[in-house]
């Protein structure tokens, strides 16, 4: 809640969604939880944690959940990103 300025309600929803992320993203989540570090350039269908945070001005959890979406449904997620997330 403190790192991202999330409300208690939002933090609960985010935490629930993070429980279901792809296992390849768990090391990023664990590192962030332990150290606060949010830095990674591994590409998934042309997007990385850093590129999502920089280009789309996402917080760590938003970028991580977006990477999860890209991994699980790349066609839909990449199309939405290319068209611009509202």
PDB file of N, CA and C in Angstrom:
ATOM      1  N   UNK A   1       0.826  -1.185   0.000  1.00  0.00           N
ATOM      2  CA  UNK A   1       0.000   0.000   0.000  1.00  0.00           C
ATOM      3  C   UNK A   1       0.873   1.253   0.000  1.00  0.00           C
ATOM      4  N   UNK A   2       1.895   1.241   0.821  1.00  0.00           N
ATOM      5  CA  UNK A   2       2.735   2.426   0.961  1.00  0.00           C
ATOM      6  C   UNK A   2       3.582   2.687  -0.281  1.00  0.00           C
ATOM      7  N   UNK A   3       4.147   1.643  -0.879  1.00  0.00           N
ATOM      8  CA  UNK A   3       5.043   1.827  -2.027  1.00  0.00           C
ATOM      9  C   UNK A   3       4.330   2.435  -3.220  1.00  0.00           C
ATOM     10  N   UNK A   4       3.056   2.137  -3.364  1.00  0.00           N
ATOM     11  CA  UNK A   4       2.337   2.587  -4.547  1.00  0.00           C
ATOM     12  C   UNK A   4       1.227   3.574  -4.230  1.00  0.00           C
ATOM     13  N   UNK A   5       1.046   3.870  -2.975  1.00  0.00           N
ATOM     14  CA  UNK A   5      -0.012   4.790  -2.608  1.00  0.00           C
ATOM     15  C   UNK A   5      -1.399   4.213  -2.839  1.00  0.00           C
ATOM     16  N   UNK A   6      -1.528   2.903  -2.717  1.00  0.00           N
ATOM     17  CA  UNK A   6      -2.805   2.232  -2.953  1.00  0.00           C
ATOM     18  C   UNK A   6      -3.695   2.316  -1.723  1.00  0.00           C
ATOM     19  N   UNK A   7      -4.984   2.371  -1.985  1.00  0.00           N
ATOM     20  CA  UNK A   7      -5.936   2.285  -0.883  1.00  0.00           C
ATOM     21  C   UNK A   7      -5.954   0.849  -0.375  1.00  0.00           C
ATOM     22  N   UNK A   8      -6.521   0.661   0.791  1.00  0.00           N
ATOM     23  CA  UNK A   8      -6.619  -0.679   1.361  1.00  0.00           C
ATOM     24  C   UNK A   8      -7.429  -1.594   0.431  1.00  0.00           C
ATOM     25  N   UNK A   9      -8.501  -1.072  -0.115  1.00  0.00           N
ATOM     26  CA  UNK A   9      -9.368  -1.828  -1.033  1.00  0.00           C
ATOM     27  C   UNK A   9      -8.595  -2.234  -2.293  1.00  0.00           C
ATOM     28  N   UNK A  10      -7.878  -1.273  -2.899  1.00  0.00           N
ATOM     29  CA  UNK A  10      -7.092  -1.561  -4.100  1.00  0.00           C
ATOM     30  C   UNK A  10      -5.974  -2.554  -3.805  1.00  0.00           C
ATOM     31  N   UNK A  11      -5.317  -2.384  -2.667  1.00  0.00           N
ATOM     32  CA  UNK A  11      -4.220  -3.280  -2.294  1.00  0.00           C
ATOM     33  C   UNK A  11      -4.718  -4.710  -2.149  1.00  0.00           C
ATOM     34  N   UNK A  12      -5.905  -4.881  -1.601  1.00  0.00           N
ATOM     35  CA  UNK A  12      -6.472  -6.219  -1.437  1.00  0.00           C
ATOM     36  C   UNK A  12      -6.744  -6.855  -2.798  1.00  0.00           C
ATOM     37  N   UNK A  13      -7.297  -6.093  -3.730  1.00  0.00           N
ATOM     38  CA  UNK A  13      -7.579  -6.593  -5.080  1.00  0.00           C
ATOM     39  C   UNK A  13      -6.284  -6.930  -5.819  1.00  0.00           C
ATOM     40  N   UNK A  14      -5.302  -6.054  -5.705  1.00  0.00           N
ATOM     41  CA  UNK A  14      -4.004  -6.290  -6.345  1.00  0.00           C
ATOM     42  C   UNK A  14      -3.360  -7.558  -5.786  1.00  0.00           C
ATOM     43  N   UNK A  15      -3.378  -7.705  -4.473  1.00  0.00           N
ATOM     44  CA  UNK A  15      -2.785  -8.889  -3.836  1.00  0.00           C
ATOM     45  C   UNK A  15      -3.479 -10.155  -4.309  1.00  0.00           C
ATOM     46  N   UNK A  16      -4.785 -10.108  -4.438  1.00  0.00           N
ATOM     47  CA  UNK A  16      -5.538 -11.276  -4.915  1.00  0.00           C
ATOM     48  C   UNK A  16      -5.118 -11.639  -6.340  1.00  0.00           C
ATOM     49  N   UNK A  17      -4.982 -10.639  -7.198  1.00  0.00           N
ATOM     50  CA  UNK A  17      -4.576 -10.887  -8.584  1.00  0.00           C
ATOM     51  C   UNK A  17      -3.142 -11.401  -8.670  1.00  0.00           C
ATOM     52  N   UNK A  18      -2.274 -10.912  -7.797  1.00  0.00           N
ATOM     53  CA  UNK A  18      -0.876 -11.340  -7.823  1.00  0.00           C
ATOM     54  C   UNK A  18      -0.710 -12.796  -7.406  1.00  0.00           C
ATOM     55  N   UNK A  19      -1.655 -13.334  -6.679  1.00  0.00           N
ATOM     56  CA  UNK A  19      -1.587 -14.739  -6.273  1.00  0.00           C
ATOM     57  C   UNK A  19      -1.665 -15.689  -7.453  1.00  0.00           C
ATOM     58  N   UNK A  20      -2.179 -15.203  -8.574  1.00  0.00           N
ATOM     59  CA  UNK A  20      -2.390 -16.055  -9.742  1.00  0.00           C
ATOM     60  C   UNK A  20      -1.442 -15.777 -10.903  1.00  0.00           C
ATOM     61  N   UNK A  21      -0.364 -15.025 -10.654  1.00  0.00           N
ATOM     62  CA  UNK A  21       0.531 -14.701 -11.772  1.00  0.00           C
ATOM     63  C   UNK A  21       1.312 -15.937 -12.221  1.00  0.00           C
ATOM     64  N   UNK A  22       1.759 -15.894 -13.448  1.00  0.00           N
ATOM     65  CA  UNK A  22       2.556 -16.974 -14.016  1.00  0.00           C
ATOM     66  C   UNK A  22       3.813 -17.187 -13.179  1.00  0.00           C
ATOM     67  N   UNK A  23       4.194 -18.437 -13.031  1.00  0.00           N
ATOM     68  CA  UNK A  23       5.332 -18.778 -12.171  1.00  0.00           C
ATOM     69  C   UNK A  23       6.637 -18.123 -12.613  1.00  0.00           C
ATOM     70  N   UNK A  24       6.783 -17.819 -13.898  1.00  0.00           N
ATOM     71  CA  UNK A  24       8.028 -17.184 -14.348  1.00  0.00           C
ATOM     72  C   UNK A  24       8.160 -15.750 -13.829  1.00  0.00           C
ATOM     73  N   UNK A  25       7.055 -15.165 -13.371  1.00  0.00           N
ATOM     74  CA  UNK A  25       7.094 -13.803 -12.841  1.00  0.00           C
ATOM     75  C   UNK A  25       7.265 -13.757 -11.326  1.00  0.00           C
ATOM     76  N   UNK A  26       7.151 -14.903 -10.681  1.00  0.00           N
ATOM     77  CA  UNK A  26       7.274 -14.943  -9.215  1.00  0.00           C
ATOM     78  C   UNK A  26       8.601 -14.408  -8.685  1.00  0.00           C
ATOM     79  N   UNK A  27       9.739 -14.695  -9.335  1.00  0.00           N
ATOM     80  CA  UNK A  27      10.992 -14.121  -8.829  1.00  0.00           C
ATOM     81  C   UNK A  27      10.986 -12.584  -8.812  1.00  0.00           C
ATOM     82  N   UNK A  28      10.350 -11.960  -9.802  1.00  0.00           N
ATOM     83  CA  UNK A  28      10.255 -10.498  -9.823  1.00  0.00           C
ATOM     84  C   UNK A  28       9.406 -10.003  -8.662  1.00  0.00           C
ATOM     85  N   UNK A  29       8.276 -10.666  -8.437  1.00  0.00           N
ATOM     86  CA  UNK A  29       7.404 -10.282  -7.337  1.00  0.00           C
ATOM     87  C   UNK A  29       8.104 -10.464  -5.997  1.00  0.00           C
ATOM     88  N   UNK A  30       8.735 -11.606  -5.811  1.00  0.00           N
ATOM     89  CA  UNK A  30       9.417 -11.863  -4.541  1.00  0.00           C
ATOM     90  C   UNK A  30      10.533 -10.865  -4.278  1.00  0.00           C
ATOM     91  N   UNK A  31      11.278 -10.518  -5.307  1.00  0.00           N
ATOM     92  CA  UNK A  31      12.363  -9.543  -5.149  1.00  0.00           C
ATOM     93  C   UNK A  31      11.798  -8.175  -4.756  1.00  0.00           C
ATOM     94  N   UNK A  32      10.709  -7.800  -5.395  1.00  0.00           N
ATOM     95  CA  UNK A  32      10.082  -6.516  -5.083  1.00  0.00           C
ATOM     96  C   UNK A  32       9.558  -6.504  -3.651  1.00  0.00           C
ATOM     97  N   UNK A  33       8.940  -7.608  -3.238  1.00  0.00           N
ATOM     98  CA  UNK A  33       8.409  -7.687  -1.877  1.00  0.00           C
ATOM     99  C   UNK A  33       9.527  -7.625  -0.836  1.00  0.00           C
ATOM    100  N   UNK A  34      10.660  -8.255  -1.143  1.00  0.00           N
ATOM    101  CA  UNK A  34      11.773  -8.306  -0.193  1.00  0.00           C
ATOM    102  C   UNK A  34      12.606  -7.034  -0.173  1.00  0.00           C
ATOM    103  N   UNK A  35      12.866  -6.465  -1.360  1.00  0.00           N
ATOM    104  CA  UNK A  35      13.813  -5.349  -1.437  1.00  0.00           C
ATOM    105  C   UNK A  35      13.236  -4.048  -1.982  1.00  0.00           C
ATOM    106  N   UNK A  36      12.074  -4.128  -2.623  1.00  0.00           N
ATOM    107  CA  UNK A  36      11.505  -2.953  -3.264  1.00  0.00           C
ATOM    108  C   UNK A  36      12.044  -2.728  -4.660  1.00  0.00           C
ATOM    109  N   UNK A  37      12.951  -3.609  -5.108  1.00  0.00           N
ATOM    110  CA  UNK A  37      13.542  -3.446  -6.435  1.00  0.00           C
ATOM    111  C   UNK A  37      12.525  -3.805  -7.519  1.00  0.00           C
ATOM    112  N   UNK A  38      12.370  -2.889  -8.465  1.00  0.00           N
ATOM    113  CA  UNK A  38      11.446  -3.085  -9.581  1.00  0.00           C
ATOM    114  C   UNK A  38      12.185  -2.775 -10.870  1.00  0.00           C
ATOM    115  N   UNK A  39      13.015  -3.709 -11.312  1.00  0.00           N
ATOM    116  CA  UNK A  39      13.853  -3.468 -12.476  1.00  0.00           C
ATOM    117  C   UNK A  39      14.071  -4.775 -13.212  1.00  0.00           C
ATOM    118  N   UNK A  40      13.593  -4.850 -14.462  1.00  0.00           N
ATOM    119  CA  UNK A  40      13.799  -6.056 -15.251  1.00  0.00           C
ATOM    120  C   UNK A  40      13.518  -5.744 -16.711  1.00  0.00           C
ATOM    121  N   UNK A  41      14.421  -6.176 -17.589  1.00  0.00           N
ATOM    122  CA  UNK A  41      14.282  -5.922 -19.020  1.00  0.00           C
ATOM    123  C   UNK A  41      14.009  -7.173 -19.843  1.00  0.00           C
ATOM    124  N   UNK A  42      13.660  -8.288 -19.207  1.00  0.00           N
ATOM    125  CA  UNK A  42      13.331  -9.502 -19.953  1.00  0.00           C
ATOM    126  C   UNK A  42      12.072  -9.224 -20.775  1.00  0.00           C
ATOM    127  N   UNK A  43      12.139  -9.540 -22.072  1.00  0.00           N
ATOM    128  CA  UNK A  43      11.016  -9.263 -22.969  1.00  0.00           C
ATOM    129  C   UNK A  43      10.043 -10.428 -23.047  1.00  0.00           C
ATOM    130  N   UNK A  44       8.777 -10.088 -23.004  1.00  0.00           N
ATOM    131  CA  UNK A  44       7.680 -11.020 -23.238  1.00  0.00           C
ATOM    132  C   UNK A  44       6.861 -10.408 -24.360  1.00  0.00           C
ATOM    133  N   UNK A  45       6.967 -10.993 -25.554  1.00  0.00           N
ATOM    134  CA  UNK A  45       6.251 -10.483 -26.729  1.00  0.00           C
ATOM    135  C   UNK A  45       6.540  -9.004 -26.968  1.00  0.00           C
ATOM    136  N   UNK A  46       7.765  -8.597 -26.719  1.00  0.00           N
ATOM    137  CA  UNK A  46       8.182  -7.226 -26.992  1.00  0.00           C
ATOM    138  C   UNK A  46       8.022  -6.250 -25.837  1.00  0.00           C
ATOM    139  N   UNK A  47       7.528  -6.713 -24.707  1.00  0.00           N
ATOM    140  CA  UNK A  47       7.326  -5.843 -23.548  1.00  0.00           C
ATOM    141  C   UNK A  47       8.114  -6.378 -22.353  1.00  0.00           C
ATOM    142  N   UNK A  48       8.615  -5.462 -21.556  1.00  0.00           N
ATOM    143  CA  UNK A  48       9.316  -5.835 -20.325  1.00  0.00           C
ATOM    144  C   UNK A  48       8.702  -5.070 -19.160  1.00  0.00           C
ATOM    145  N   UNK A  49       9.061  -5.466 -17.969  1.00  0.00           N
ATOM    146  CA  UNK A  49       8.612  -4.749 -16.782  1.00  0.00           C
ATOM    147  C   UNK A  49       9.008  -3.276 -16.888  1.00  0.00           C
ATOM    148  N   UNK A  50      10.265  -3.030 -17.232  1.00  0.00           N
ATOM    149  CA  UNK A  50      10.745  -1.650 -17.325  1.00  0.00           C
ATOM    150  C   UNK A  50      10.030  -0.861 -18.414  1.00  0.00           C
ATOM    151  N   UNK A  51       9.806  -1.481 -19.574  1.00  0.00           N
ATOM    152  CA  UNK A  51       9.160  -0.738 -20.658  1.00  0.00           C
ATOM    153  C   UNK A  51       7.715  -0.388 -20.302  1.00  0.00           C
ATOM    154  N   UNK A  52       7.027  -1.281 -19.618  1.00  0.00           N
ATOM    155  CA  UNK A  52       5.653  -0.984 -19.212  1.00  0.00           C
ATOM    156  C   UNK A  52       5.616   0.125 -18.169  1.00  0.00           C
ATOM    157  N   UNK A  53       6.545   0.094 -17.236  1.00  0.00           N
ATOM    158  CA  UNK A  53       6.570   1.140 -16.213  1.00  0.00           C
ATOM    159  C   UNK A  53       6.965   2.485 -16.821  1.00  0.00           C
ATOM    160  N   UNK A  54       7.885   2.480 -17.769  1.00  0.00           N
ATOM    161  CA  UNK A  54       8.347   3.730 -18.368  1.00  0.00           C
ATOM    162  C   UNK A  54       7.351   4.285 -19.385  1.00  0.00           C
ATOM    163  N   UNK A  55       7.010   3.488 -20.380  1.00  0.00           N
ATOM    164  CA  UNK A  55       6.165   3.971 -21.479  1.00  0.00           C
ATOM    165  C   UNK A  55       4.724   4.217 -21.049  1.00  0.00           C
ATOM    166  N   UNK A  56       4.200   3.346 -20.217  1.00  0.00           N
ATOM    167  CA  UNK A  56       2.794   3.453 -19.823  1.00  0.00           C
ATOM    168  C   UNK A  56       2.611   4.019 -18.416  1.00  0.00           C
ATOM    169  N   UNK A  57       3.717   4.406 -17.792  1.00  0.00           N
ATOM    170  CA  UNK A  57       3.712   5.007 -16.454  1.00  0.00           C
ATOM    171  C   UNK A  57       2.953   4.142 -15.447  1.00  0.00           C
ATOM    172  N   UNK A  58       3.214   2.837 -15.491  1.00  0.00           N
ATOM    173  CA  UNK A  58       2.573   1.902 -14.568  1.00  0.00           C
ATOM    174  C   UNK A  58       3.413   1.762 -13.309  1.00  0.00           C
ATOM    175  N   UNK A  59       2.730   1.499 -12.218  1.00  0.00           N
ATOM    176  CA  UNK A  59       3.422   1.083 -11.003  1.00  0.00           C
ATOM    177  C   UNK A  59       3.876  -0.364 -11.202  1.00  0.00           C
ATOM    178  N   UNK A  60       4.745  -0.831 -10.322  1.00  0.00           N
ATOM    179  CA  UNK A  60       5.280  -2.185 -10.434  1.00  0.00           C
ATOM    180  C   UNK A  60       4.176  -3.232 -10.570  1.00  0.00           C
ATOM    181  N   UNK A  61       3.204  -3.205  -9.677  1.00  0.00           N
ATOM    182  CA  UNK A  61       2.188  -4.263  -9.703  1.00  0.00           C
ATOM    183  C   UNK A  61       1.351  -4.213 -10.973  1.00  0.00           C
ATOM    184  N   UNK A  62       1.050  -3.035 -11.471  1.00  0.00           N
ATOM    185  CA  UNK A  62       0.313  -2.923 -12.727  1.00  0.00           C
ATOM    186  C   UNK A  62       1.109  -3.483 -13.887  1.00  0.00           C
ATOM    187  N   UNK A  63       2.396  -3.175 -13.912  1.00  0.00           N
ATOM    188  CA  UNK A  63       3.264  -3.694 -14.968  1.00  0.00           C
ATOM    189  C   UNK A  63       3.400  -5.210 -14.866  1.00  0.00           C
ATOM    190  N   UNK A  64       3.530  -5.716 -13.654  1.00  0.00           N
ATOM    191  CA  UNK A  64       3.668  -7.162 -13.470  1.00  0.00           C
ATOM    192  C   UNK A  64       2.391  -7.885 -13.885  1.00  0.00           C
ATOM    193  N   UNK A  65       1.249  -7.358 -13.509  1.00  0.00           N
ATOM    194  CA  UNK A  65      -0.015  -7.977 -13.906  1.00  0.00           C
ATOM    195  C   UNK A  65      -0.239  -7.870 -15.413  1.00  0.00           C
ATOM    196  N   UNK A  66       0.246  -6.796 -16.013  1.00  0.00           N
ATOM    197  CA  UNK A  66       0.154  -6.667 -17.468  1.00  0.00           C
ATOM    198  C   UNK A  66       1.055  -7.691 -18.148  1.00  0.00           C
ATOM    199  N   UNK A  67       2.256  -7.903 -17.630  1.00  0.00           N
ATOM    200  CA  UNK A  67       3.123  -8.959 -18.174  1.00  0.00           C
ATOM    201  C   UNK A  67       2.448 -10.321 -18.049  1.00  0.00           C
ATOM    202  N   UNK A  68       1.785 -10.559 -16.940  1.00  0.00           N
ATOM    203  CA  UNK A  68       1.063 -11.810 -16.755  1.00  0.00           C
ATOM    204  C   UNK A  68      -0.012 -11.969 -17.822  1.00  0.00           C
ATOM    205  N   UNK A  69      -0.735 -10.909 -18.105  1.00  0.00           N
ATOM    206  CA  UNK A  69      -1.759 -10.913 -19.149  1.00  0.00           C
ATOM    207  C   UNK A  69      -1.113 -11.189 -20.515  1.00  0.00           C
ATOM    208  N   UNK A  70       0.019 -10.548 -20.779  1.00  0.00           N
ATOM    209  CA  UNK A  70       0.727 -10.756 -22.049  1.00  0.00           C
ATOM    210  C   UNK A  70       1.136 -12.222 -22.193  1.00  0.00           C
ATOM    211  N   UNK A  71       1.630 -12.814 -21.130  1.00  0.00           N
ATOM    212  CA  UNK A  71       2.050 -14.218 -21.168  1.00  0.00           C
ATOM    213  C   UNK A  71       0.857 -15.139 -21.404  1.00  0.00           C
ATOM    214  N   UNK A  72      -0.251 -14.853 -20.745  1.00  0.00           N
ATOM    215  CA  UNK A  72      -1.420 -15.738 -20.799  1.00  0.00           C
ATOM    216  C   UNK A  72      -2.312 -15.512 -22.015  1.00  0.00           C
ATOM    217  N   UNK A  73      -2.358 -14.291 -22.531  1.00  0.00           N
ATOM    218  CA  UNK A  73      -3.204 -13.967 -23.686  1.00  0.00           C
ATOM    219  C   UNK A  73      -2.503 -12.919 -24.540  1.00  0.00           C
ATOM    220  N   UNK A  74      -1.405 -13.316 -25.185  1.00  0.00           N
ATOM    221  CA  UNK A  74      -0.580 -12.327 -25.890  1.00  0.00           C
ATOM    222  C   UNK A  74      -1.306 -11.563 -26.991  1.00  0.00           C
ATOM    223  N   UNK A  75      -2.167 -12.214 -27.740  1.00  0.00           N
ATOM    224  CA  UNK A  75      -2.844 -11.523 -28.844  1.00  0.00           C
ATOM    225  C   UNK A  75      -3.699 -10.366 -28.322  1.00  0.00           C
ATOM    226  N   UNK A  76      -4.508 -10.631 -27.338  1.00  0.00           N
ATOM    227  CA  UNK A  76      -5.398  -9.603 -26.794  1.00  0.00           C
ATOM    228  C   UNK A  76      -4.614  -8.525 -26.066  1.00  0.00           C
ATOM    229  N   UNK A  77      -3.670  -8.940 -25.232  1.00  0.00           N
ATOM    230  CA  UNK A  77      -2.911  -7.972 -24.430  1.00  0.00           C
ATOM    231  C   UNK A  77      -2.057  -7.071 -25.315  1.00  0.00           C
ATOM    232  N   UNK A  78      -1.354  -7.649 -26.258  1.00  0.00           N
ATOM    233  CA  UNK A  78      -0.487  -6.830 -27.132  1.00  0.00           C
ATOM    234  C   UNK A  78      -1.298  -5.888 -27.999  1.00  0.00           C
ATOM    235  N   UNK A  79      -2.452  -6.333 -28.444  1.00  0.00           N
ATOM    236  CA  UNK A  79      -3.340  -5.468 -29.233  1.00  0.00           C
ATOM    237  C   UNK A  79      -3.812  -4.291 -28.389  1.00  0.00           C
ATOM    238  N   UNK A  80      -4.221  -4.571 -27.159  1.00  0.00           N
ATOM    239  CA  UNK A  80      -4.688  -3.490 -26.270  1.00  0.00           C
ATOM    240  C   UNK A  80      -3.576  -2.485 -25.991  1.00  0.00           C
ATOM    241  N   UNK A  81      -2.359  -2.979 -25.777  1.00  0.00           N
ATOM    242  CA  UNK A  81      -1.229  -2.080 -25.532  1.00  0.00           C
ATOM    243  C   UNK A  81      -0.908  -1.251 -26.769  1.00  0.00           C
ATOM    244  N   UNK A  82      -0.929  -1.884 -27.925  1.00  0.00           N
ATOM    245  CA  UNK A  82      -0.625  -1.167 -29.170  1.00  0.00           C
ATOM    246  C   UNK A  82      -1.663  -0.095 -29.469  1.00  0.00           C
ATOM    247  N   UNK A  83      -2.909  -0.370 -29.117  1.00  0.00           N
ATOM    248  CA  UNK A  83      -3.990   0.604 -29.392  1.00  0.00           C
ATOM    249  C   UNK A  83      -4.057   1.668 -28.315  1.00  0.00           C
ATOM    250  N   UNK A  84      -3.395   1.430 -27.204  1.00  0.00           N
ATOM    251  CA  UNK A  84      -3.385   2.408 -26.119  1.00  0.00           C
ATOM    252  C   UNK A  84      -4.373   2.053 -25.046  1.00  0.00           C
ATOM    253  N   UNK A  85      -3.864   1.806 -23.877  1.00  0.00           N
ATOM    254  CA  UNK A  85      -4.715   1.481 -22.745  1.00  0.00           C
ATOM    255  C   UNK A  85      -5.364   2.765 -22.234  1.00  0.00           C
ATOM    256  N   UNK A  86      -6.632   2.704 -22.025  1.00  0.00           N
ATOM    257  CA  UNK A  86      -7.386   3.878 -21.543  1.00  0.00           C
ATOM    258  C   UNK A  86      -7.492   3.836 -20.053  1.00  0.00           C
TER     259      UNK A  86
END
